[in-house]
Every structure is written in C-alpha cells, then in structure tokens.
C-alpha cells in the first residue's frame, strides 16, 4: 500500500507507472485531459505535478480506482469529500497535529472513514522531485509577474523579505504553497517561523527524532535545523525546500 506514516516517503515513476497501486501514467494523463480546466494542471505539466495533485487530493484516486482495502461505504464519501479536513482537525496518531486540535469520535461517516479506517493517509506518496520554473502560459507565471511588477510596489508587506530587486525564482519560491505555483528548481531557501515547513522541521527536531528515530536514519537529536530541513526536503514532506547550507560531520555544504 502507498499509505504510510508521517513523514511521507517520496516515490517517483518507474517504467511509466507508480509502485504499490498508485495511479499509472496512463491514469495521470487521463486525469489531465479531463481536469485541465478545473485545476492548475496543463497538458504540458510534468508527471510529478500530476502525482502531487493526486497526493494532495485523494478524491481523484477514489473516483478512478478506489483502493480495494477501503470499505465500500467509504468509496462514495472519499470520492466526494476526501479527508482534507483532517489538516485542521487531525485523526489520532496523525502528525503534525491540526491547527484546530484533534477530531472528535462522533460516529460520523467522516470520522469512520478518515480516522477509524485511516484513509487520511494519502493513496499516492509525494513525488521526489517536484520543481519547475514557471513559464509563460502558466497561472503561476502570471501570479509571479504580477507580484514582481505590481504587488511588491503596492503591498510590500505581503512579501516578507523580498524587494523589487528580488529575482523571479525568489518570488516563485515565496508564492509556492500560497498560489498554484511549483517550487522553482535549484532554488534553496532556509525556512523561517511562519512557513509550513518550519513547523514540520521543529516537530521533527523536538518530537519525531525521539519518538521515531527510524524515520531519520541519517540524523540524530544533535543534528542541525538545516540538516532536518534537508531530510524533509528529500522525503517530500511539508513542502520543504532545500536549505542553502547544511552542516554535516564532513563539513559545510552550500547550495
């Protein structure tokens, strides 16, 4: 099964398909043809972008090829609603804990499917390499261009440490996660408080490494913040970008 515990393990296409029952490339292309007008995906979108879309929205997988392990009554629920609500009210053992705390076992179909059956776990893992510099014709390109030419001048407070001199990739990196923007390739960024990745790194450093050291075979409780961020980046967890500097036993590595 592709479903797993957090942090998620990334998985890429092998011989045109995904392992462990995730949608095949053919399915991804079918989805692209049918949903291009309703999502940020385009015919030219990469396999990784299609995989990321299914990772984020299990409703797609349940509409096309529901996992046989899921109870029949949950198939219809998942195809319509999915379990995205658990990012706010998390199920037991789900990490990181949702911003609104834990979900209540109220006997509802939502709780039964998402929590009791653990269908909050993604059918598809995140792709290992999800990056692309936006191109003309992408909604992301339009958003970045607007931010660089209009937004930064009218509302500089919206853009953190960016200035009117910041590069295109820096704006795209900032908008990634906020807008339908992939992270630009070869763009490093050490996260700060307020970033989703920052919360994931802090949880890994303060809790994960102690409770589940097997998740972090290359780390120890004494590893640096950037080393944890790099680990989560390579695992495809919490949308973490590659940090710009990693301190390791062999020295310092800059990217």
C-alpha atoms as a PDB file:
ATOM      1  CA  UNK A   1       0.000   0.000   0.000  1.00  0.00           C
ATOM      2  CA  UNK A   2       1.119   3.538  -0.696  1.00  0.00           C
ATOM      3  CA  UNK A   3      -0.388   4.772   2.512  1.00  0.00           C
ATOM      4  CA  UNK A   4       2.222   5.249   5.196  1.00  0.00           C
ATOM      5  CA  UNK A   5       3.103   7.046   8.357  1.00  0.00           C
ATOM      6  CA  UNK A   6       4.391  10.558   8.515  1.00  0.00           C
ATOM      7  CA  UNK A   7       6.778  11.772   7.289  1.00  0.00           C
ATOM      8  CA  UNK A   8       5.773  10.528   3.854  1.00  0.00           C
ATOM      9  CA  UNK A   9       8.281   8.726   1.683  1.00  0.00           C
ATOM     10  CA  UNK A  10       8.585  10.125  -1.796  1.00  0.00           C
ATOM     11  CA  UNK A  11       8.146   7.860  -4.814  1.00  0.00           C
ATOM     12  CA  UNK A  12       8.822   8.540  -8.461  1.00  0.00           C
ATOM     13  CA  UNK A  13       7.656   6.943 -11.687  1.00  0.00           C
ATOM     14  CA  UNK A  14       9.319   3.629 -12.516  1.00  0.00           C
ATOM     15  CA  UNK A  15       8.876   2.321 -16.082  1.00  0.00           C
ATOM     16  CA  UNK A  16       5.902   4.582 -16.724  1.00  0.00           C
ATOM     17  CA  UNK A  17       3.936   3.805 -13.587  1.00  0.00           C
ATOM     18  CA  UNK A  18       3.923   4.248  -9.842  1.00  0.00           C
ATOM     19  CA  UNK A  19       4.639   1.387  -7.482  1.00  0.00           C
ATOM     20  CA  UNK A  20       2.311  -0.034  -4.847  1.00  0.00           C
ATOM     21  CA  UNK A  21      -1.012   0.544  -6.564  1.00  0.00           C
ATOM     22  CA  UNK A  22      -0.793   4.296  -7.141  1.00  0.00           C
ATOM     23  CA  UNK A  23      -2.310   5.593 -10.404  1.00  0.00           C
ATOM     24  CA  UNK A  24      -0.395   4.725 -13.562  1.00  0.00           C
ATOM     25  CA  UNK A  25       0.948   7.270 -16.000  1.00  0.00           C
ATOM     26  CA  UNK A  26      -1.996   6.467 -18.284  1.00  0.00           C
ATOM     27  CA  UNK A  27      -4.393   7.428 -15.492  1.00  0.00           C
ATOM     28  CA  UNK A  28      -2.469  10.630 -14.839  1.00  0.00           C
ATOM     29  CA  UNK A  29      -2.770  11.603 -18.478  1.00  0.00           C
ATOM     30  CA  UNK A  30      -6.492  10.789 -18.449  1.00  0.00           C
ATOM     31  CA  UNK A  31      -6.966  12.976 -15.413  1.00  0.00           C
ATOM     32  CA  UNK A  32      -5.018  15.747 -17.067  1.00  0.00           C
ATOM     33  CA  UNK A  33      -7.261  15.710 -20.119  1.00  0.00           C
ATOM     34  CA  UNK A  34     -10.441  15.802 -18.051  1.00  0.00           C
ATOM     35  CA  UNK A  35      -9.432  18.237 -15.312  1.00  0.00           C
ATOM     36  CA  UNK A  36      -7.181  20.756 -17.054  1.00  0.00           C
ATOM     37  CA  UNK A  37      -9.898  23.392 -16.986  1.00  0.00           C
ATOM     38  CA  UNK A  38     -10.571  22.900 -13.269  1.00  0.00           C
ATOM     39  CA  UNK A  39      -7.049  22.708 -11.905  1.00  0.00           C
ATOM     40  CA  UNK A  40      -3.687  24.360 -12.417  1.00  0.00           C
ATOM     41  CA  UNK A  41      -2.512  21.311 -14.390  1.00  0.00           C
ATOM     42  CA  UNK A  42      -1.874  21.594 -18.096  1.00  0.00           C
ATOM     43  CA  UNK A  43      -1.155  19.074 -20.846  1.00  0.00           C
ATOM     44  CA  UNK A  44       2.489  20.079 -20.508  1.00  0.00           C
ATOM     45  CA  UNK A  45       2.560  19.562 -16.728  1.00  0.00           C
ATOM     46  CA  UNK A  46       5.129  17.073 -15.519  1.00  0.00           C
ATOM     47  CA  UNK A  47       4.324  13.587 -14.194  1.00  0.00           C
ATOM     48  CA  UNK A  48       5.468  14.805 -10.802  1.00  0.00           C
ATOM     49  CA  UNK A  49       2.912  17.626 -10.858  1.00  0.00           C
ATOM     50  CA  UNK A  50       0.123  15.154 -11.659  1.00  0.00           C
ATOM     51  CA  UNK A  51       1.363  12.859  -8.896  1.00  0.00           C
ATOM     52  CA  UNK A  52       1.473  15.773  -6.440  1.00  0.00           C
ATOM     53  CA  UNK A  53      -2.122  16.689  -7.337  1.00  0.00           C
ATOM     54  CA  UNK A  54      -3.307  13.149  -6.552  1.00  0.00           C
ATOM     55  CA  UNK A  55      -1.199  13.106  -3.376  1.00  0.00           C
ATOM     56  CA  UNK A  56      -2.950  16.280  -2.205  1.00  0.00           C
ATOM     57  CA  UNK A  57      -6.452  15.279  -3.322  1.00  0.00           C
ATOM     58  CA  UNK A  58      -7.368  11.628  -2.742  1.00  0.00           C
ATOM     59  CA  UNK A  59     -10.822  12.264  -4.195  1.00  0.00           C
ATOM     60  CA  UNK A  60      -9.286  11.815  -7.643  1.00  0.00           C
ATOM     61  CA  UNK A  61      -7.925   8.364  -6.821  1.00  0.00           C
ATOM     62  CA  UNK A  62     -11.210   7.190  -5.305  1.00  0.00           C
ATOM     63  CA  UNK A  63     -13.181   8.345  -8.344  1.00  0.00           C
ATOM     64  CA  UNK A  64     -10.976   6.449 -10.766  1.00  0.00           C
ATOM     65  CA  UNK A  65      -9.527   3.456  -8.917  1.00  0.00           C
ATOM     66  CA  UNK A  66     -10.591   3.170  -5.259  1.00  0.00           C
ATOM     67  CA  UNK A  67      -8.269   1.055  -3.088  1.00  0.00           C
ATOM     68  CA  UNK A  68      -9.789  -2.374  -2.502  1.00  0.00           C
ATOM     69  CA  UNK A  69      -8.867  -2.203   1.188  1.00  0.00           C
ATOM     70  CA  UNK A  70     -11.293   0.676   1.802  1.00  0.00           C
ATOM     71  CA  UNK A  71     -14.849  -0.236   2.915  1.00  0.00           C
ATOM     72  CA  UNK A  72     -17.450   0.216   0.201  1.00  0.00           C
ATOM     73  CA  UNK A  73     -19.343   2.863   2.180  1.00  0.00           C
ATOM     74  CA  UNK A  74     -16.176   4.966   2.268  1.00  0.00           C
ATOM     75  CA  UNK A  75     -15.640   4.901  -1.500  1.00  0.00           C
ATOM     76  CA  UNK A  76     -18.527   7.292  -2.170  1.00  0.00           C
ATOM     77  CA  UNK A  77     -17.589   9.514   0.772  1.00  0.00           C
ATOM     78  CA  UNK A  78     -13.953   9.751  -0.281  1.00  0.00           C
ATOM     79  CA  UNK A  79     -14.762  10.459  -3.929  1.00  0.00           C
ATOM     80  CA  UNK A  80     -16.872  13.469  -2.917  1.00  0.00           C
ATOM     81  CA  UNK A  81     -15.379  14.796   0.321  1.00  0.00           C
ATOM     82  CA  UNK A  82     -11.982  13.250   0.940  1.00  0.00           C
ATOM     83  CA  UNK A  83     -10.081  13.750   4.180  1.00  0.00           C
ATOM     84  CA  UNK A  84      -8.545  17.172   3.640  1.00  0.00           C
ATOM     85  CA  UNK A  85     -10.468  18.368   6.708  1.00  0.00           C
ATOM     86  CA  UNK A  86      -8.039  16.398   8.895  1.00  0.00           C
ATOM     87  CA  UNK A  87      -5.355  19.009   8.221  1.00  0.00           C
ATOM     88  CA  UNK A  88      -7.375  21.213  10.563  1.00  0.00           C
ATOM     89  CA  UNK A  89      -8.754  18.595  12.978  1.00  0.00           C
ATOM     90  CA  UNK A  90      -6.358  15.673  12.961  1.00  0.00           C
ATOM     91  CA  UNK A  91      -7.065  11.989  13.490  1.00  0.00           C
ATOM     92  CA  UNK A  92      -5.336  10.004  16.271  1.00  0.00           C
ATOM     93  CA  UNK A  93      -1.613   9.468  15.589  1.00  0.00           C
ATOM     94  CA  UNK A  94      -1.748  11.874  12.622  1.00  0.00           C
ATOM     95  CA  UNK A  95       1.216  14.244  12.514  1.00  0.00           C
ATOM     96  CA  UNK A  96       1.586  17.123  12.523  1.00  0.00           C
ATOM     97  CA  UNK A  97      -1.458  17.816  14.698  1.00  0.00           C
ATOM     98  CA  UNK A  98      -4.050  20.016  13.011  1.00  0.00           C
ATOM     99  CA  UNK A  99      -4.327  23.674  13.831  1.00  0.00           C
ATOM    100  CA  UNK A 100      -7.739  23.116  15.455  1.00  0.00           C
ATOM    101  CA  UNK A 101      -6.630  20.131  17.533  1.00  0.00           C
ATOM    102  CA  UNK A 102      -7.880  16.567  17.423  1.00  0.00           C
ATOM    103  CA  UNK A 103     -11.014  15.349  15.675  1.00  0.00           C
ATOM    104  CA  UNK A 104     -13.868  14.100  17.860  1.00  0.00           C
ATOM    105  CA  UNK A 105     -15.006  10.487  17.532  1.00  0.00           C
ATOM    106  CA  UNK A 106     -18.626  11.434  16.841  1.00  0.00           C
ATOM    107  CA  UNK A 107     -19.685   8.301  14.968  1.00  0.00           C
ATOM    108  CA  UNK A 108     -19.937  10.176  11.683  1.00  0.00           C
ATOM    109  CA  UNK A 109     -19.056   8.636   8.346  1.00  0.00           C
ATOM    110  CA  UNK A 110     -16.325  11.263   8.017  1.00  0.00           C
ATOM    111  CA  UNK A 111     -14.626  10.141  11.231  1.00  0.00           C
ATOM    112  CA  UNK A 112     -15.175   6.475  10.471  1.00  0.00           C
ATOM    113  CA  UNK A 113     -13.581   6.676   7.019  1.00  0.00           C
ATOM    114  CA  UNK A 114     -10.830   9.190   7.655  1.00  0.00           C
ATOM    115  CA  UNK A 115      -9.839   8.271  11.209  1.00  0.00           C
ATOM    116  CA  UNK A 116     -11.028   4.736  12.030  1.00  0.00           C
ATOM    117  CA  UNK A 117     -10.045   3.426   8.590  1.00  0.00           C
ATOM    118  CA  UNK A 118      -7.037   5.780   8.454  1.00  0.00           C
ATOM    119  CA  UNK A 119      -7.932   6.970   4.971  1.00  0.00           C
ATOM    120  CA  UNK A 120      -6.360  10.323   5.838  1.00  0.00           C
ATOM    121  CA  UNK A 121      -3.122   8.663   4.716  1.00  0.00           C
ATOM    122  CA  UNK A 122      -2.565   9.579   1.052  1.00  0.00           C
ATOM    123  CA  UNK A 123      -3.144   6.913  -1.566  1.00  0.00           C
ATOM    124  CA  UNK A 124      -0.223   8.341  -3.502  1.00  0.00           C
ATOM    125  CA  UNK A 125       3.058   9.424  -1.892  1.00  0.00           C
ATOM    126  CA  UNK A 126       4.522  12.814  -2.781  1.00  0.00           C
ATOM    127  CA  UNK A 127       6.855  12.855  -5.770  1.00  0.00           C
ATOM    128  CA  UNK A 128      10.570  13.026  -5.065  1.00  0.00           C
ATOM    129  CA  UNK A 129      11.327  15.872  -7.455  1.00  0.00           C
ATOM    130  CA  UNK A 130       8.578  18.462  -7.699  1.00  0.00           C
ATOM    131  CA  UNK A 131      10.100  21.632  -9.053  1.00  0.00           C
ATOM    132  CA  UNK A 132       9.709  23.682 -12.206  1.00  0.00           C
ATOM    133  CA  UNK A 133      10.349  27.297 -13.014  1.00  0.00           C
ATOM    134  CA  UNK A 134       7.061  28.809 -14.190  1.00  0.00           C
ATOM    135  CA  UNK A 135       6.680  29.552 -17.876  1.00  0.00           C
ATOM    136  CA  UNK A 136       4.542  31.961 -19.872  1.00  0.00           C
ATOM    137  CA  UNK A 137       1.037  30.492 -20.062  1.00  0.00           C
ATOM    138  CA  UNK A 138       1.139  29.109 -16.504  1.00  0.00           C
ATOM    139  CA  UNK A 139      -1.111  30.675 -13.883  1.00  0.00           C
ATOM    140  CA  UNK A 140       1.960  30.712 -11.655  1.00  0.00           C
ATOM    141  CA  UNK A 141       3.870  32.775 -14.225  1.00  0.00           C
ATOM    142  CA  UNK A 142       1.024  35.310 -14.225  1.00  0.00           C
ATOM    143  CA  UNK A 143       0.952  35.430 -10.413  1.00  0.00           C
ATOM    144  CA  UNK A 144       4.715  35.845 -10.110  1.00  0.00           C
ATOM    145  CA  UNK A 145       4.795  38.536 -12.781  1.00  0.00           C
ATOM    146  CA  UNK A 146       2.001  40.447 -11.048  1.00  0.00           C
ATOM    147  CA  UNK A 147       3.785  40.145  -7.695  1.00  0.00           C
ATOM    148  CA  UNK A 148       7.034  41.474  -9.210  1.00  0.00           C
ATOM    149  CA  UNK A 149       5.520  44.332 -11.188  1.00  0.00           C
ATOM    150  CA  UNK A 150       2.547  45.372  -9.079  1.00  0.00           C
ATOM    151  CA  UNK A 151       2.232  43.589  -5.750  1.00  0.00           C
ATOM    152  CA  UNK A 152       5.686  44.336  -4.340  1.00  0.00           C
ATOM    153  CA  UNK A 153       5.175  48.052  -5.019  1.00  0.00           C
ATOM    154  CA  UNK A 154       1.623  48.358  -3.701  1.00  0.00           C
ATOM    155  CA  UNK A 155       1.851  45.872  -0.831  1.00  0.00           C
ATOM    156  CA  UNK A 156       5.493  45.186   0.097  1.00  0.00           C
ATOM    157  CA  UNK A 157       4.294  43.832   3.460  1.00  0.00           C
ATOM    158  CA  UNK A 158       2.817  40.836   1.652  1.00  0.00           C
ATOM    159  CA  UNK A 159       6.199  39.527   0.518  1.00  0.00           C
ATOM    160  CA  UNK A 160       8.356  39.050   3.581  1.00  0.00           C
ATOM    161  CA  UNK A 161      11.995  39.795   2.830  1.00  0.00           C
ATOM    162  CA  UNK A 162      11.508  40.174  -0.930  1.00  0.00           C
ATOM    163  CA  UNK A 163      12.207  43.506  -2.601  1.00  0.00           C
ATOM    164  CA  UNK A 164      11.650  44.939  -6.062  1.00  0.00           C
ATOM    165  CA  UNK A 165      15.170  43.707  -6.882  1.00  0.00           C
ATOM    166  CA  UNK A 166      14.455  40.068  -5.967  1.00  0.00           C
ATOM    167  CA  UNK A 167      14.677  37.518  -8.762  1.00  0.00           C
ATOM    168  CA  UNK A 168      11.771  35.760 -10.472  1.00  0.00           C
ATOM    169  CA  UNK A 169      12.648  32.444  -8.793  1.00  0.00           C
ATOM    170  CA  UNK A 170      12.656  34.116  -5.370  1.00  0.00           C
ATOM    171  CA  UNK A 171       9.108  35.371  -5.922  1.00  0.00           C
ATOM    172  CA  UNK A 172       8.013  31.975  -7.219  1.00  0.00           C
ATOM    173  CA  UNK A 173       9.553  30.289  -4.182  1.00  0.00           C
ATOM    174  CA  UNK A 174       7.671  32.672  -1.897  1.00  0.00           C
ATOM    175  CA  UNK A 175       4.355  32.054  -3.669  1.00  0.00           C
ATOM    176  CA  UNK A 176       4.774  28.265  -3.707  1.00  0.00           C
ATOM    177  CA  UNK A 177       2.105  26.842  -1.416  1.00  0.00           C
ATOM    178  CA  UNK A 178       0.180  30.113  -1.398  1.00  0.00           C
ATOM    179  CA  UNK A 179      -0.652  30.110  -5.106  1.00  0.00           C
ATOM    180  CA  UNK A 180      -0.776  27.251  -7.649  1.00  0.00           C
ATOM    181  CA  UNK A 181       2.992  27.517  -8.013  1.00  0.00           C
ATOM    182  CA  UNK A 182       5.521  24.668  -8.049  1.00  0.00           C
ATOM    183  CA  UNK A 183       8.813  25.338  -6.336  1.00  0.00           C
ATOM    184  CA  UNK A 184      11.469  26.529  -8.764  1.00  0.00           C
ATOM    185  CA  UNK A 185      14.307  24.101  -9.359  1.00  0.00           C
ATOM    186  CA  UNK A 186      17.774  24.754  -7.980  1.00  0.00           C
ATOM    187  CA  UNK A 187      16.378  27.321  -5.568  1.00  0.00           C
ATOM    188  CA  UNK A 188      17.465  26.952  -1.972  1.00  0.00           C
ATOM    189  CA  UNK A 189      15.673  28.565   0.954  1.00  0.00           C
ATOM    190  CA  UNK A 190      16.185  28.121   4.671  1.00  0.00           C
ATOM    191  CA  UNK A 191      12.725  28.375   6.181  1.00  0.00           C
ATOM    192  CA  UNK A 192      11.691  30.707   8.988  1.00  0.00           C
ATOM    193  CA  UNK A 193       8.817  30.904  11.512  1.00  0.00           C
ATOM    194  CA  UNK A 194       5.536  31.220   9.669  1.00  0.00           C
ATOM    195  CA  UNK A 195       6.495  28.721   6.955  1.00  0.00           C
ATOM    196  CA  UNK A 196       4.648  25.387   6.943  1.00  0.00           C
ATOM    197  CA  UNK A 197       7.996  23.653   6.554  1.00  0.00           C
ATOM    198  CA  UNK A 198       9.370  25.390   9.654  1.00  0.00           C
ATOM    199  CA  UNK A 199       6.656  23.803  11.795  1.00  0.00           C
ATOM    200  CA  UNK A 200       7.444  20.407  10.293  1.00  0.00           C
ATOM    201  CA  UNK A 201      11.161  20.781  10.978  1.00  0.00           C
ATOM    202  CA  UNK A 202      10.570  21.838  14.582  1.00  0.00           C
ATOM    203  CA  UNK A 203       8.233  18.878  15.168  1.00  0.00           C
ATOM    204  CA  UNK A 204      10.846  16.525  13.697  1.00  0.00           C
ATOM    205  CA  UNK A 205      13.625  18.004  15.884  1.00  0.00           C
ATOM    206  CA  UNK A 206      11.640  18.158  19.103  1.00  0.00           C
ATOM    207  CA  UNK A 207       9.399  15.095  18.828  1.00  0.00           C
ATOM    208  CA  UNK A 208       9.873  12.942  15.744  1.00  0.00           C
ATOM    209  CA  UNK A 209      13.552  12.095  16.198  1.00  0.00           C
ATOM    210  CA  UNK A 210      12.837  10.869  19.735  1.00  0.00           C
ATOM    211  CA  UNK A 211       9.595   9.014  19.105  1.00  0.00           C
ATOM    212  CA  UNK A 212      10.531   7.549  15.720  1.00  0.00           C
ATOM    213  CA  UNK A 213      14.292   7.662  15.163  1.00  0.00           C
ATOM    214  CA  UNK A 214      13.864   5.112  12.358  1.00  0.00           C
ATOM    215  CA  UNK A 215      12.259   7.867  10.283  1.00  0.00           C
ATOM    216  CA  UNK A 216      15.533   9.812  10.388  1.00  0.00           C
ATOM    217  CA  UNK A 217      18.333   7.278   9.786  1.00  0.00           C
ATOM    218  CA  UNK A 218      20.746   9.990   8.660  1.00  0.00           C
ATOM    219  CA  UNK A 219      20.064  12.292  11.644  1.00  0.00           C
ATOM    220  CA  UNK A 220      20.473  12.412  15.407  1.00  0.00           C
ATOM    221  CA  UNK A 221      18.956  14.632  18.140  1.00  0.00           C
ATOM    222  CA  UNK A 222      22.078  16.796  17.758  1.00  0.00           C
ATOM    223  CA  UNK A 223      21.656  17.389  14.016  1.00  0.00           C
ATOM    224  CA  UNK A 224      21.202  20.979  12.885  1.00  0.00           C
ATOM    225  CA  UNK A 225      17.940  22.620  11.864  1.00  0.00           C
ATOM    226  CA  UNK A 226      19.125  22.734   8.245  1.00  0.00           C
ATOM    227  CA  UNK A 227      20.009  19.034   8.298  1.00  0.00           C
ATOM    228  CA  UNK A 228      16.434  18.244   9.370  1.00  0.00           C
ATOM    229  CA  UNK A 229      15.079  20.571   6.692  1.00  0.00           C
ATOM    230  CA  UNK A 230      17.202  18.840   4.054  1.00  0.00           C
ATOM    231  CA  UNK A 231      15.915  15.452   5.239  1.00  0.00           C
ATOM    232  CA  UNK A 232      12.282  16.587   4.962  1.00  0.00           C
ATOM    233  CA  UNK A 233      13.000  18.135   1.569  1.00  0.00           C
ATOM    234  CA  UNK A 234      14.368  14.894   0.156  1.00  0.00           C
ATOM    235  CA  UNK A 235      11.477  12.955   1.730  1.00  0.00           C
ATOM    236  CA  UNK A 236       8.938  15.285   0.099  1.00  0.00           C
ATOM    237  CA  UNK A 237       7.440  16.244   3.475  1.00  0.00           C
ATOM    238  CA  UNK A 238       5.739  19.523   4.410  1.00  0.00           C
ATOM    239  CA  UNK A 239       6.700  21.139   1.102  1.00  0.00           C
ATOM    240  CA  UNK A 240      10.202  21.817   2.424  1.00  0.00           C
ATOM    241  CA  UNK A 241      12.670  23.451   0.019  1.00  0.00           C
ATOM    242  CA  UNK A 242      16.343  22.569   0.078  1.00  0.00           C
ATOM    243  CA  UNK A 243      18.151  24.675   2.700  1.00  0.00           C
ATOM    244  CA  UNK A 244      21.009  26.796   1.445  1.00  0.00           C
ATOM    245  CA  UNK A 245      23.599  25.432   3.883  1.00  0.00           C
ATOM    246  CA  UNK A 246      23.849  22.037   5.569  1.00  0.00           C
ATOM    247  CA  UNK A 247      26.226  21.435   8.447  1.00  0.00           C
ATOM    248  CA  UNK A 248      27.457  17.848   8.448  1.00  0.00           C
ATOM    249  CA  UNK A 249      30.282  15.856  10.036  1.00  0.00           C
ATOM    250  CA  UNK A 250      32.291  16.182   6.851  1.00  0.00           C
ATOM    251  CA  UNK A 251      31.930  19.944   6.730  1.00  0.00           C
ATOM    252  CA  UNK A 252      29.618  22.649   5.393  1.00  0.00           C
ATOM    253  CA  UNK A 253      27.804  22.245   2.094  1.00  0.00           C
ATOM    254  CA  UNK A 254      26.357  25.281   0.315  1.00  0.00           C
ATOM    255  CA  UNK A 255      23.712  25.089  -2.406  1.00  0.00           C
END
